[in-house]
């Protein structure tokens, strides 16, 4: 047990990024620029390139995938396989590692020669080779005089892996097309300068907004030093904040299951877990489970529920005030005691743990997290909001929750608001 004391943070400068919406059931479909006229590129790679020798980009061979491929090719046509087309493919394969790369970004790379994809790869996990290395291995000798497409600027420094610029130069690629410049000050155009310095043709900024959306948390962390913070809650049709999720939300492919895969940490109040048998887990294949952060302010003993069985990699930490005692059937739960529970201290802890993204989840009674929400609004700590609207009418509107929402501050115009369906619910997403 220890005490954390840290100064307040102010996130007045956040990085405005477009929205990435949830699709159903299991396949992520990128949002393309209007000019591209592309409906879907899911499952198209089997006929566009040879079967790779590496396992960096698994292929689908189902009959439905081939049907999607035929429709895609008919709609796209050979003439639209331009730079933007291949960068979109980079983004698609990069997302195979969603939730696994923190603190690194997700990156995809495609090697193209004579109009055909000859190599693909993505960065699977921090400490493992980067996307360019896997793609070049996949392409082999065909990489010489080819064009390398990569969603994020290749690195030019030695870390846990060698520089990707050297790998591209040694492979003798002719051209490199980059989705966006890496905001990491260690990189920040140095990789592009290195490639240009040896005579490689470099193009930057292709499908830049899509590439930013892919790594919005990583970009925010690099620009501000703080985790990307999202607030989420469920409401009824008549405005009640609900202590439950919609049908299918926690199942594989459900929006909440994918949120747990995507975010490094999830903040809940102790009141929101009191009636739960266990904390939910992401059902996505190979998902890394988030750090569960429980806030406890009750003067009574707080019982922390266990994480669902079979998820030994899940961790739980409790932030409690001095009057609160914590009980749990799990071993190894860390407890941090504060004079007063505050969001600044929680985010500082997340920052020290290397977390890039945190979900503030308003499960249970709103009062359990009301002070944290007000702090987030007053100090502009929030970057994103997700609201699930359930198809239910919960009697009379809870005056307490409505009043609490009204105290969150001023009029705010959200950016890039989108709606998507999740089973019978509607999920609204937007940026502050």
Protein backbone atom coordinates (compact mmCIF):
# COMPACT_ATOMS: atom_id res chain seq x y z
CA UNK A 1 0.00 0.00 0.00
CA UNK A 2 1.40 3.38 -0.93
CA UNK A 3 0.35 6.94 -1.57
CA UNK A 4 0.51 8.76 -4.89
CA UNK A 5 0.50 12.52 -4.93
CA UNK A 6 0.82 14.30 -8.25
CA UNK A 7 0.00 17.76 -9.63
CA UNK A 8 -3.12 18.37 -11.65
CA UNK A 9 -2.86 17.92 -15.37
CA UNK A 10 -4.46 20.07 -18.03
CA UNK A 11 -5.11 18.67 -21.48
CA UNK A 12 -5.92 21.91 -23.23
CA UNK A 13 -4.13 20.72 -26.34
CA UNK A 14 -5.54 17.45 -27.62
CA UNK A 15 -5.00 16.02 -31.05
CA UNK A 16 -8.24 16.17 -33.10
CA UNK A 17 -8.68 12.89 -34.94
CA UNK A 18 -11.49 11.48 -37.06
CA UNK A 19 -13.68 8.72 -35.72
CA UNK A 20 -13.23 4.99 -36.10
CA UNK A 21 -16.61 3.32 -35.87
CA UNK A 22 -17.47 -0.18 -34.76
CA UNK A 23 -18.72 -2.65 -37.33
CA UNK A 24 -20.35 -6.02 -36.89
CA UNK A 25 -19.85 -8.88 -36.65
CA UNK A 26 -16.06 -9.37 -36.61
CA UNK A 27 -14.42 -7.59 -39.53
CA UNK A 28 -13.08 -4.06 -39.28
CA UNK A 29 -13.79 -2.10 -42.44
CA UNK A 30 -11.77 1.10 -42.81
CA UNK A 31 -13.52 4.35 -43.65
CA UNK A 32 -12.22 5.38 -47.05
CA UNK A 33 -11.96 8.85 -48.48
CA UNK A 34 -14.97 9.78 -50.65
CA UNK A 35 -12.85 9.92 -53.78
CA UNK A 36 -11.78 6.31 -53.44
CA UNK A 37 -15.25 4.82 -54.12
CA UNK A 38 -14.21 1.61 -52.35
CA UNK A 39 -16.81 -0.35 -50.39
CA UNK A 40 -14.67 -3.06 -48.78
CA UNK A 41 -11.20 -4.52 -49.08
CA UNK A 42 -11.77 -7.25 -46.52
CA UNK A 43 -10.37 -10.60 -47.59
CA UNK A 44 -9.12 -9.46 -50.98
CA UNK A 45 -5.46 -10.35 -50.66
CA UNK A 46 -5.62 -13.98 -51.84
CA UNK A 47 -5.97 -13.05 -55.50
CA UNK A 48 -3.88 -9.90 -55.44
CA UNK A 49 -0.64 -11.59 -54.42
CA UNK A 50 0.98 -14.92 -53.97
CA UNK A 51 0.52 -16.81 -50.71
CA UNK A 52 3.19 -15.48 -48.32
CA UNK A 53 5.76 -17.63 -46.61
CA UNK A 54 5.63 -15.64 -43.36
CA UNK A 55 2.86 -15.56 -40.82
CA UNK A 56 2.82 -11.79 -40.60
CA UNK A 57 -0.48 -11.42 -42.44
CA UNK A 58 -2.79 -14.46 -42.33
CA UNK A 59 -5.16 -14.98 -45.26
CA UNK A 60 -8.79 -16.03 -45.46
CA UNK A 61 -9.71 -18.79 -47.87
CA UNK A 62 -13.42 -19.17 -47.20
CA UNK A 63 -15.87 -19.13 -50.08
CA UNK A 64 -17.49 -15.99 -48.66
CA UNK A 65 -14.08 -14.29 -48.67
CA UNK A 66 -13.59 -15.17 -52.34
CA UNK A 67 -17.03 -13.82 -53.13
CA UNK A 68 -16.16 -10.56 -51.36
CA UNK A 69 -12.94 -10.49 -53.37
CA UNK A 70 -14.73 -10.84 -56.70
CA UNK A 71 -17.19 -8.08 -55.81
CA UNK A 72 -14.35 -5.88 -54.60
CA UNK A 73 -12.33 -6.34 -57.78
CA UNK A 74 -15.35 -5.59 -59.93
CA UNK A 75 -16.00 -2.38 -58.02
CA UNK A 76 -12.40 -1.27 -57.66
CA UNK A 77 -10.80 -2.16 -60.97
CA UNK A 78 -7.13 -2.20 -61.80
CA UNK A 79 -6.90 1.54 -62.40
CA UNK A 80 -7.80 2.45 -58.79
CA UNK A 81 -4.90 0.55 -57.23
CA UNK A 82 -3.09 3.80 -56.54
CA UNK A 83 -1.02 4.84 -53.53
CA UNK A 84 -4.13 5.37 -51.40
CA UNK A 85 -5.35 1.85 -52.17
CA UNK A 86 -2.17 0.26 -50.80
CA UNK A 87 -2.00 2.52 -47.73
CA UNK A 88 -5.54 1.44 -46.89
CA UNK A 89 -4.34 -2.13 -47.13
CA UNK A 90 -1.50 -1.24 -44.73
CA UNK A 91 -4.04 0.05 -42.22
CA UNK A 92 -6.17 -3.05 -42.58
CA UNK A 93 -3.36 -5.47 -41.82
CA UNK A 94 -1.94 -3.22 -39.06
CA UNK A 95 -5.19 -3.67 -37.13
CA UNK A 96 -4.48 -7.38 -36.80
CA UNK A 97 -2.34 -6.36 -33.81
CA UNK A 98 -4.91 -4.13 -32.14
CA UNK A 99 -4.40 -4.01 -28.39
CA UNK A 100 -1.02 -5.76 -28.59
CA UNK A 101 1.53 -3.08 -29.51
CA UNK A 102 1.40 -0.59 -26.61
CA UNK A 103 3.44 1.52 -26.11
CA UNK A 104 4.31 1.16 -29.80
CA UNK A 105 1.93 2.15 -32.61
CA UNK A 106 0.15 -0.25 -34.95
CA UNK A 107 1.88 -0.28 -38.34
CA UNK A 108 1.28 -2.14 -41.57
CA UNK A 109 3.55 -2.41 -44.62
CA UNK A 110 2.92 -3.60 -48.18
CA UNK A 111 5.56 -4.19 -50.87
CA UNK A 112 4.34 -3.67 -54.45
CA UNK A 113 6.14 -4.49 -57.69
CA UNK A 114 4.76 -4.18 -61.23
CA UNK A 115 1.30 -3.49 -59.84
CA UNK A 116 1.19 -6.59 -57.65
CA UNK A 117 1.56 -7.07 -53.90
CA UNK A 118 4.63 -9.21 -53.32
CA UNK A 119 5.05 -8.79 -49.57
CA UNK A 120 3.01 -7.81 -46.50
CA UNK A 121 3.64 -7.48 -42.79
CA UNK A 122 2.57 -5.75 -39.59
CA UNK A 123 4.11 -4.98 -36.20
CA UNK A 124 2.71 -7.69 -33.89
CA UNK A 125 4.04 -6.64 -30.48
CA UNK A 126 6.46 -4.25 -28.78
CA UNK A 127 9.94 -5.73 -28.88
CA UNK A 128 9.29 -7.75 -32.03
CA UNK A 129 10.35 -6.71 -35.58
CA UNK A 130 8.50 -3.85 -37.20
CA UNK A 131 6.07 -4.10 -40.11
CA UNK A 132 8.70 -3.27 -42.73
CA UNK A 133 10.89 -6.20 -41.67
CA UNK A 134 8.07 -8.73 -41.97
CA UNK A 135 6.97 -7.33 -45.34
CA UNK A 136 10.51 -7.40 -46.74
CA UNK A 137 10.98 -10.98 -45.54
CA UNK A 138 7.73 -11.87 -47.27
CA UNK A 139 8.81 -10.22 -50.52
CA UNK A 140 12.34 -11.63 -50.53
CA UNK A 141 14.32 -10.72 -53.67
CA UNK A 142 11.20 -9.19 -55.22
CA UNK A 143 11.64 -6.18 -52.94
CA UNK A 144 14.47 -4.84 -55.13
CA UNK A 145 13.25 -1.85 -57.17
CA UNK A 146 9.78 -2.25 -55.63
CA UNK A 147 7.64 0.34 -53.81
CA UNK A 148 7.21 -0.01 -50.05
CA UNK A 149 3.95 1.33 -48.59
CA UNK A 150 3.88 1.88 -44.83
CA UNK A 151 1.17 3.47 -42.68
CA UNK A 152 3.68 5.23 -40.39
CA UNK A 153 7.11 6.70 -41.06
CA UNK A 154 9.89 4.07 -40.84
CA UNK A 155 12.07 4.44 -37.75
CA UNK A 156 15.71 5.52 -38.08
CA UNK A 157 17.06 4.69 -34.62
CA UNK A 158 18.23 1.67 -32.67
CA UNK A 159 15.81 0.57 -29.97
CA UNK A 160 14.84 -2.99 -29.22
CA UNK A 161 15.01 -3.53 -33.00
CA UNK A 162 17.31 -2.11 -35.72
CA UNK A 163 16.20 0.87 -37.85
CA UNK A 164 13.62 0.07 -40.51
CA UNK A 165 15.23 2.62 -42.83
CA UNK A 166 18.31 0.39 -43.04
CA UNK A 167 16.17 -2.64 -43.85
CA UNK A 168 14.51 -0.76 -46.71
CA UNK A 169 17.82 0.55 -48.02
CA UNK A 170 19.47 -2.87 -47.85
CA UNK A 171 16.51 -4.39 -49.71
CA UNK A 172 17.10 -1.81 -52.49
CA UNK A 173 13.52 -0.59 -52.70
CA UNK A 174 13.01 2.14 -55.26
CA UNK A 175 10.26 4.15 -53.60
CA UNK A 176 8.64 4.49 -50.16
CA UNK A 177 5.08 5.82 -49.67
CA UNK A 178 4.23 6.83 -46.09
CA UNK A 179 0.79 7.45 -44.61
CA UNK A 180 1.93 9.90 -41.94
CA UNK A 181 5.01 11.26 -40.18
CA UNK A 182 5.75 9.67 -36.80
CA UNK A 183 5.09 12.24 -34.01
CA UNK A 184 7.68 10.51 -31.82
CA UNK A 185 10.47 13.13 -31.49
CA UNK A 186 13.05 10.34 -31.84
CA UNK A 187 11.71 9.74 -35.36
CA UNK A 188 9.87 12.90 -36.54
CA UNK A 189 10.93 12.97 -40.24
CA UNK A 190 14.43 11.63 -39.57
CA UNK A 191 13.50 8.36 -41.24
CA UNK A 192 12.22 10.17 -44.31
CA UNK A 193 15.38 12.27 -44.52
CA UNK A 194 17.55 9.14 -44.32
CA UNK A 195 15.68 7.48 -47.19
CA UNK A 196 15.81 10.59 -49.37
CA UNK A 197 19.50 10.99 -48.58
CA UNK A 198 20.34 7.70 -50.31
CA UNK A 199 18.25 8.48 -53.37
CA UNK A 200 15.00 6.67 -52.53
CA UNK A 201 11.87 8.44 -53.78
CA UNK A 202 9.62 9.29 -50.80
CA UNK A 203 5.94 10.33 -50.76
CA UNK A 204 4.28 11.38 -47.48
CA UNK A 205 0.70 12.06 -46.39
CA UNK A 206 -1.29 9.47 -48.35
CA UNK A 207 -4.55 8.61 -46.52
CA UNK A 208 -3.14 10.59 -43.62
CA UNK A 209 -6.40 10.93 -41.66
CA UNK A 210 -7.03 7.19 -41.81
CA UNK A 211 -3.51 6.54 -40.52
CA UNK A 212 -4.01 9.05 -37.70
CA UNK A 213 -7.23 7.35 -36.73
CA UNK A 214 -5.40 4.02 -36.55
CA UNK A 215 -3.06 5.31 -33.82
CA UNK A 216 -5.03 8.10 -32.15
CA UNK A 217 -3.97 7.03 -28.64
CA UNK A 218 -0.29 6.70 -29.58
CA UNK A 219 -0.33 10.12 -31.27
CA UNK A 220 -1.99 11.79 -28.28
CA UNK A 221 0.52 10.21 -25.90
CA UNK A 222 3.43 11.44 -28.04
CA UNK A 223 2.09 14.99 -28.32
CA UNK A 224 0.94 15.47 -24.71
CA UNK A 225 2.71 12.81 -22.67
CA UNK A 226 -0.65 11.69 -21.24
CA UNK A 227 -2.94 8.73 -21.94
CA UNK A 228 -5.81 9.10 -24.43
CA UNK A 229 -8.95 9.31 -22.26
CA UNK A 230 -12.41 8.17 -23.40
CA UNK A 231 -15.64 8.32 -21.41
CA UNK A 232 -18.31 5.64 -21.96
CA UNK A 233 -21.80 5.08 -20.58
CA UNK A 234 -25.12 3.46 -21.44
CA UNK A 235 -28.49 5.21 -21.41
CA UNK A 236 -32.13 4.28 -21.92
CA UNK A 237 -34.33 5.94 -24.52
CA UNK A 238 -35.68 8.26 -21.84
CA UNK A 239 -32.25 9.35 -20.62
CA UNK A 240 -31.50 7.12 -17.63
CA UNK A 241 -27.88 6.09 -17.14
CA UNK A 242 -28.00 2.30 -17.02
CA UNK A 243 -25.92 -0.16 -15.05
CA UNK A 244 -25.73 -2.66 -17.90
CA UNK A 245 -24.60 -3.20 -21.45
CA UNK A 246 -26.71 -4.07 -24.46
CA UNK A 247 -27.23 -7.54 -25.88
CA UNK A 248 -24.14 -8.95 -27.53
CA UNK A 249 -21.91 -6.09 -26.36
CA UNK A 250 -19.55 -8.35 -24.38
CA UNK A 251 -19.60 -11.21 -26.88
CA UNK A 252 -16.91 -11.68 -29.52
CA UNK A 253 -17.30 -8.97 -32.12
CA UNK A 254 -19.46 -6.87 -29.77
CA UNK A 255 -18.51 -3.24 -29.38
CA UNK A 256 -17.63 -3.52 -25.66
CA UNK A 257 -15.55 -6.66 -26.18
CA UNK A 258 -13.54 -4.76 -28.76
CA UNK A 259 -13.20 -1.74 -26.48
CA UNK A 260 -11.63 -3.97 -23.84
CA UNK A 261 -9.22 -5.22 -26.48
CA UNK A 262 -8.38 -1.71 -27.65
CA UNK A 263 -7.90 0.16 -24.35
CA UNK A 264 -4.94 -0.36 -22.03
CA UNK A 265 -6.89 0.49 -18.87
CA UNK A 266 -10.53 0.69 -17.75
CA UNK A 267 -11.69 2.81 -14.79
CA UNK A 268 -14.78 1.65 -12.85
CA UNK A 269 -16.27 2.73 -9.54
CA UNK A 270 -16.59 0.19 -6.74
CA UNK A 271 -20.35 0.73 -6.74
CA UNK A 272 -20.50 -0.42 -10.34
CA UNK A 273 -18.86 -3.76 -9.55
CA UNK A 274 -20.71 -4.69 -6.36
CA UNK A 275 -23.33 -6.80 -8.12
CA UNK A 276 -21.04 -8.34 -10.72
CA UNK A 277 -19.88 -11.94 -10.46
CA UNK A 278 -16.69 -11.05 -12.31
CA UNK A 279 -15.15 -8.25 -14.32
CA UNK A 280 -15.86 -8.69 -18.05
CA UNK A 281 -13.08 -9.62 -20.45
CA UNK A 282 -12.52 -9.10 -24.15
CA UNK A 283 -13.66 -12.12 -26.12
CA UNK A 284 -11.63 -11.17 -29.21
CA UNK A 285 -9.16 -13.75 -30.43
CA UNK A 286 -5.73 -13.25 -28.85
CA UNK A 287 -6.82 -10.07 -27.04
CA UNK A 288 -4.65 -8.58 -24.33
CA UNK A 289 -6.84 -7.78 -21.33
CA UNK A 290 -6.84 -4.24 -19.91
CA UNK A 291 -5.70 -3.11 -16.50
CA UNK A 292 -8.81 -2.76 -14.31
CA UNK A 293 -8.74 0.39 -12.16
CA UNK A 294 -11.35 0.36 -9.38
CA UNK A 295 -12.12 3.55 -7.45
CA UNK A 296 -13.46 3.09 -3.91
CA UNK A 297 -14.74 5.90 -1.70
CA UNK A 298 -17.25 4.08 0.48
CA UNK A 299 -16.67 4.02 4.26
CA UNK A 300 -17.77 0.38 4.15
CA UNK A 301 -15.60 -2.56 3.06
CA UNK A 302 -15.39 -2.77 -0.72
CA UNK A 303 -15.48 -6.23 -2.27
CA UNK A 304 -13.51 -6.33 -5.52
CA UNK A 305 -14.92 -8.99 -7.87
CA UNK A 306 -12.54 -11.39 -9.61
CA UNK A 307 -11.64 -11.15 -13.25
CA UNK A 308 -13.37 -13.80 -15.35
CA UNK A 309 -11.81 -17.24 -15.19
CA UNK A 310 -9.02 -18.09 -17.57
CA UNK A 311 -7.60 -14.57 -17.76
CA UNK A 312 -4.53 -14.71 -15.56
CA UNK A 313 -2.96 -11.83 -17.51
CA UNK A 314 -5.60 -9.39 -16.25
CA UNK A 315 -4.54 -7.04 -13.47
CA UNK A 316 -6.57 -5.08 -10.94
CA UNK A 317 -5.59 -1.99 -8.97
CA UNK A 318 -7.79 -0.23 -6.42
CA UNK A 319 -7.60 3.52 -5.72
CA UNK A 320 -9.16 4.08 -2.30
CA UNK A 321 -9.52 6.95 0.11
CA UNK A 322 -8.39 6.71 3.73
CA UNK A 323 -11.81 5.63 5.03
CA UNK A 324 -12.17 2.69 2.68
CA UNK A 325 -11.11 -0.91 3.27
CA UNK A 326 -10.75 -3.34 0.38
CA UNK A 327 -11.60 -7.02 0.32
CA UNK A 328 -10.96 -9.43 -2.55
CA UNK A 329 -10.75 -13.13 -3.25
CA UNK A 330 -7.84 -12.48 -5.61
CA UNK A 331 -4.21 -12.26 -4.65
CA UNK A 332 -1.82 -9.61 -5.88
CA UNK A 333 -4.30 -6.75 -6.13
CA UNK A 334 -2.48 -3.46 -5.63
CA UNK A 335 -4.11 -0.77 -3.51
CA UNK A 336 -3.22 2.91 -3.73
CA UNK A 337 -4.51 5.08 -0.88
CA UNK A 338 -5.16 8.77 -1.55
CA UNK A 339 -6.46 11.59 0.63
CA UNK A 340 -9.05 12.20 -2.07
CA UNK A 341 -9.73 10.15 -5.20
CA UNK A 342 -8.89 12.26 -8.24
CA UNK A 343 -8.50 11.59 -11.94
CA UNK A 344 -5.15 13.35 -12.15
CA UNK A 345 -3.54 10.82 -9.79
CA UNK A 346 -5.11 7.89 -11.67
CA UNK A 347 -3.87 9.11 -15.05
CA UNK A 348 -0.43 9.80 -13.61
CA UNK A 349 -0.28 6.20 -12.43
CA UNK A 350 -1.38 5.00 -15.90
CA UNK A 351 1.29 7.17 -17.47
CA UNK A 352 3.97 5.67 -15.24
CA UNK A 353 2.77 2.19 -16.23
CA UNK A 354 3.19 3.06 -19.93
CA UNK A 355 -0.54 3.00 -20.74
CA UNK A 356 -1.51 4.89 -23.90
CA UNK A 357 -5.31 4.70 -23.61
CA UNK A 358 -7.78 4.69 -20.70
CA UNK A 359 -11.54 4.13 -20.74
CA UNK A 360 -13.56 5.91 -18.03
CA UNK A 361 -16.58 3.61 -17.84
CA UNK A 362 -19.67 4.94 -16.03
CA UNK A 363 -21.05 1.59 -14.96
CA UNK A 364 -23.35 1.49 -11.94
CA UNK A 365 -24.49 4.61 -10.11
CA UNK A 366 -23.20 7.80 -11.64
CA UNK A 367 -22.27 9.22 -8.22
CA UNK A 368 -19.35 6.80 -7.97
CA UNK A 369 -17.48 8.60 -10.73
CA UNK A 370 -19.20 12.00 -10.79
CA UNK A 371 -16.23 13.85 -9.29
CA UNK A 372 -13.84 12.25 -11.77
CA UNK A 373 -16.07 13.22 -14.70
CA UNK A 374 -16.36 16.82 -13.49
CA UNK A 375 -12.58 16.98 -13.08
CA UNK A 376 -12.10 15.62 -16.58
CA UNK A 377 -14.47 18.20 -18.08
CA UNK A 378 -13.14 21.17 -16.13
CA UNK A 379 -9.53 20.41 -17.01
CA UNK A 380 -10.22 19.25 -20.59
CA UNK A 381 -8.81 15.78 -20.03
CA UNK A 382 -11.28 13.93 -22.24
CA UNK A 383 -10.58 13.22 -25.90
CA UNK A 384 -13.48 10.97 -26.88
CA UNK A 385 -17.00 9.93 -25.83
CA UNK A 386 -18.91 6.70 -26.48
CA UNK A 387 -22.62 6.41 -25.59
CA UNK A 388 -24.63 3.23 -25.98
CA UNK A 389 -28.39 3.84 -26.37
CA UNK A 390 -30.32 0.73 -25.34
CA UNK A 391 -33.80 0.03 -26.75
CA UNK A 392 -35.48 0.23 -23.35
CA UNK A 393 -37.66 2.71 -21.44
CA UNK A 394 -36.65 2.75 -17.77
CA UNK A 395 -39.75 4.14 -16.06
CA UNK A 396 -39.16 7.59 -14.65
CA UNK A 397 -35.98 9.44 -15.54
CA UNK A 398 -33.38 9.32 -12.79
CA UNK A 399 -33.26 12.97 -11.72
CA UNK A 400 -29.95 12.43 -9.95
CA UNK A 401 -28.11 11.18 -13.02
CA UNK A 402 -29.57 13.92 -15.23
CA UNK A 403 -28.59 16.59 -12.72
CA UNK A 404 -25.11 15.14 -12.48
CA UNK A 405 -24.69 15.24 -16.26
CA UNK A 406 -25.78 18.89 -16.30
CA UNK A 407 -23.09 19.78 -13.78
CA UNK A 408 -20.37 18.49 -16.10
CA UNK A 409 -19.85 21.94 -17.54
CA UNK A 410 -20.63 24.02 -20.55
CA UNK A 411 -22.01 23.65 -24.04
CA UNK A 412 -19.67 21.50 -26.14
CA UNK A 413 -19.82 20.82 -29.85
CA UNK A 414 -18.47 17.34 -30.45
CA UNK A 415 -16.49 16.57 -33.59
CA UNK A 416 -16.81 13.71 -36.05
CA UNK A 417 -19.87 12.21 -34.37
CA UNK A 418 -20.95 8.90 -35.85
CA UNK A 419 -23.57 6.29 -35.04
CA UNK A 420 -23.32 2.54 -35.52
CA UNK A 421 -25.48 -0.41 -34.56
CA UNK A 422 -24.50 -3.03 -32.00
CA UNK A 423 -27.11 -5.79 -31.96
CA UNK A 424 -30.27 -3.93 -30.84
CA UNK A 425 -28.43 -0.89 -29.46
CA UNK A 426 -27.11 2.26 -31.11
CA UNK A 427 -23.55 3.34 -30.30
CA UNK A 428 -22.71 7.04 -30.64
CA UNK A 429 -19.10 8.16 -30.79
CA UNK A 430 -17.53 11.59 -31.02
CA UNK A 431 -14.48 13.66 -30.13
CA UNK A 432 -14.15 16.65 -27.79
